[in-house]
Amino acid sequence: MSGMILAQTANINPGLAAIGYGLGAIGPGIGVGLIFAAVINGTARQPEARGKLQTIGYSTFVLSEVLALIGIVIYFIASTKS
């Protein structure tokens, strides 16, 4: 019942949805920058730990990018509602 009420009240302007996605993509963008900055710093300090740091870096990169993908899916859902 609450899903029906939510679907009826979610009428968002597509332009507003695009602005919301743009603001929502800032977080994963900053996160990716911080992740790879930490990997580069760690590799510079301990070159022998490069493989382990890259593995951790790529796995956290994927987790951060999932947020951006969820945001674009929500953007398309919100912009197609009329």
C-alpha atoms as a PDB file:
ATOM      1  CA  MET A   1       0.000   0.000   0.000  1.00  0.00           C
ATOM      2  CA  SER A   2       2.776   2.463   0.850  1.00  0.00           C
ATOM      3  CA  GLY A   3       4.496   1.670  -2.477  1.00  0.00           C
ATOM      4  CA  MET A   4       1.404   2.791  -4.343  1.00  0.00           C
ATOM      5  CA  ILE A   5       1.293   6.065  -2.423  1.00  0.00           C
ATOM      6  CA  LEU A   6       4.987   6.669  -3.078  1.00  0.00           C
ATOM      7  CA  ALA A   7       4.602   5.976  -6.797  1.00  0.00           C
ATOM      8  CA  GLN A   8       1.715   8.411  -7.063  1.00  0.00           C
ATOM      9  CA  THR A   9       3.506  11.264  -5.307  1.00  0.00           C
ATOM     10  CA  ALA A  10       6.894  10.921  -7.054  1.00  0.00           C
ATOM     11  CA  ASN A  11       6.481  13.413  -9.887  1.00  0.00           C
ATOM     12  CA  ILE A  12       9.885  15.021 -10.459  1.00  0.00           C
ATOM     13  CA  ASN A  13      10.821  17.403 -13.240  1.00  0.00           C
ATOM     14  CA  PRO A  14      13.483  15.780 -15.509  1.00  0.00           C
ATOM     15  CA  GLY A  15      15.679  18.872 -15.196  1.00  0.00           C
ATOM     16  CA  LEU A  16      15.526  18.664 -11.432  1.00  0.00           C
ATOM     17  CA  ALA A  17      16.385  14.961 -11.632  1.00  0.00           C
ATOM     18  CA  ALA A  18      19.458  15.793 -13.754  1.00  0.00           C
ATOM     19  CA  ILE A  19      20.633  18.369 -11.219  1.00  0.00           C
ATOM     20  CA  GLY A  20      20.111  15.836  -8.447  1.00  0.00           C
ATOM     21  CA  TYR A  21      22.163  13.221 -10.274  1.00  0.00           C
ATOM     22  CA  GLY A  22      24.924  15.732 -10.943  1.00  0.00           C
ATOM     23  CA  LEU A  23      25.109  16.566  -7.261  1.00  0.00           C
ATOM     24  CA  GLY A  24      24.931  12.876  -6.376  1.00  0.00           C
ATOM     25  CA  ALA A  25      27.862  12.062  -8.671  1.00  0.00           C
ATOM     26  CA  ILE A  26      30.168  14.437  -6.795  1.00  0.00           C
ATOM     27  CA  GLY A  27      30.522  12.012  -3.873  1.00  0.00           C
ATOM     28  CA  PRO A  28      31.711   8.990  -5.876  1.00  0.00           C
ATOM     29  CA  GLY A  29      34.015  11.261  -7.897  1.00  0.00           C
ATOM     30  CA  ILE A  30      35.719  12.545  -4.773  1.00  0.00           C
ATOM     31  CA  GLY A  31      35.805   9.023  -3.356  1.00  0.00           C
ATOM     32  CA  VAL A  32      37.566   7.604  -6.411  1.00  0.00           C
ATOM     33  CA  GLY A  33      40.144  10.373  -6.248  1.00  0.00           C
ATOM     34  CA  LEU A  34      40.843   9.684  -2.586  1.00  0.00           C
ATOM     35  CA  ILE A  35      41.054   5.926  -3.153  1.00  0.00           C
ATOM     36  CA  PHE A  36      43.665   6.120  -5.882  1.00  0.00           C
ATOM     37  CA  ALA A  37      45.580   8.882  -4.097  1.00  0.00           C
ATOM     38  CA  ALA A  38      45.899   6.516  -1.133  1.00  0.00           C
ATOM     39  CA  VAL A  39      47.014   3.666  -3.410  1.00  0.00           C
ATOM     40  CA  ILE A  40      49.686   5.868  -5.006  1.00  0.00           C
ATOM     41  CA  ASN A  41      50.912   7.099  -1.607  1.00  0.00           C
ATOM     42  CA  GLY A  42      51.014   3.584  -0.208  1.00  0.00           C
ATOM     43  CA  THR A  43      52.898   2.276  -3.230  1.00  0.00           C
ATOM     44  CA  ALA A  44      55.395   5.125  -2.966  1.00  0.00           C
ATOM     45  CA  ARG A  45      56.016   4.316   0.693  1.00  0.00           C
ATOM     46  CA  GLN A  46      56.130   0.519   0.333  1.00  0.00           C
ATOM     47  CA  PRO A  47      56.681  -0.657  -3.247  1.00  0.00           C
ATOM     48  CA  GLU A  48      56.539  -4.329  -2.233  1.00  0.00           C
ATOM     49  CA  ALA A  49      52.890  -3.912  -1.139  1.00  0.00           C
ATOM     50  CA  ARG A  50      51.810  -2.724  -4.602  1.00  0.00           C
ATOM     51  CA  GLY A  51      49.772  -5.815  -5.517  1.00  0.00           C
ATOM     52  CA  LYS A  52      47.797  -5.886  -2.299  1.00  0.00           C
ATOM     53  CA  LEU A  53      47.168  -2.135  -2.426  1.00  0.00           C
ATOM     54  CA  GLN A  54      45.932  -2.309  -6.018  1.00  0.00           C
ATOM     55  CA  THR A  55      43.561  -5.135  -5.170  1.00  0.00           C
ATOM     56  CA  ILE A  56      42.107  -3.185  -2.267  1.00  0.00           C
ATOM     57  CA  GLY A  57      42.013  -0.028  -4.393  1.00  0.00           C
ATOM     58  CA  TYR A  58      40.084  -1.617  -7.231  1.00  0.00           C
ATOM     59  CA  SER A  59      37.591  -3.315  -4.925  1.00  0.00           C
ATOM     60  CA  THR A  60      36.828  -0.047  -3.123  1.00  0.00           C
ATOM     61  CA  PHE A  61      36.678   1.735  -6.495  1.00  0.00           C
ATOM     62  CA  VAL A  62      33.929  -0.666  -7.558  1.00  0.00           C
ATOM     63  CA  LEU A  63      31.998  -0.061  -4.344  1.00  0.00           C
ATOM     64  CA  SER A  64      32.252   3.688  -4.841  1.00  0.00           C
ATOM     65  CA  GLU A  65      31.150   3.535  -8.474  1.00  0.00           C
ATOM     66  CA  VAL A  66      28.090   1.471  -7.556  1.00  0.00           C
ATOM     67  CA  LEU A  67      26.783   4.611  -5.860  1.00  0.00           C
ATOM     68  CA  ALA A  68      27.064   6.531  -9.127  1.00  0.00           C
ATOM     69  CA  LEU A  69      25.331   3.726 -11.044  1.00  0.00           C
ATOM     70  CA  ILE A  70      22.492   3.638  -8.535  1.00  0.00           C
ATOM     71  CA  GLY A  71      22.202   7.405  -8.918  1.00  0.00           C
ATOM     72  CA  ILE A  72      21.879   7.233 -12.700  1.00  0.00           C
ATOM     73  CA  VAL A  73      19.257   4.492 -12.440  1.00  0.00           C
ATOM     74  CA  ILE A  74      17.263   6.646 -10.040  1.00  0.00           C
ATOM     75  CA  TYR A  75      17.701   9.597 -12.440  1.00  0.00           C
ATOM     76  CA  PHE A  76      16.163   7.610 -15.290  1.00  0.00           C
ATOM     77  CA  ILE A  77      13.331   6.387 -13.098  1.00  0.00           C
ATOM     78  CA  ALA A  78      12.599   9.900 -11.868  1.00  0.00           C
ATOM     79  CA  SER A  79      12.840  11.535 -15.301  1.00  0.00           C
ATOM     80  CA  THR A  80      10.450   9.074 -16.985  1.00  0.00           C
ATOM     81  CA  LYS A  81       7.696   9.492 -14.412  1.00  0.00           C
ATOM     82  CA  SER A  82       4.968  11.790 -15.635  1.00  0.00           C
END
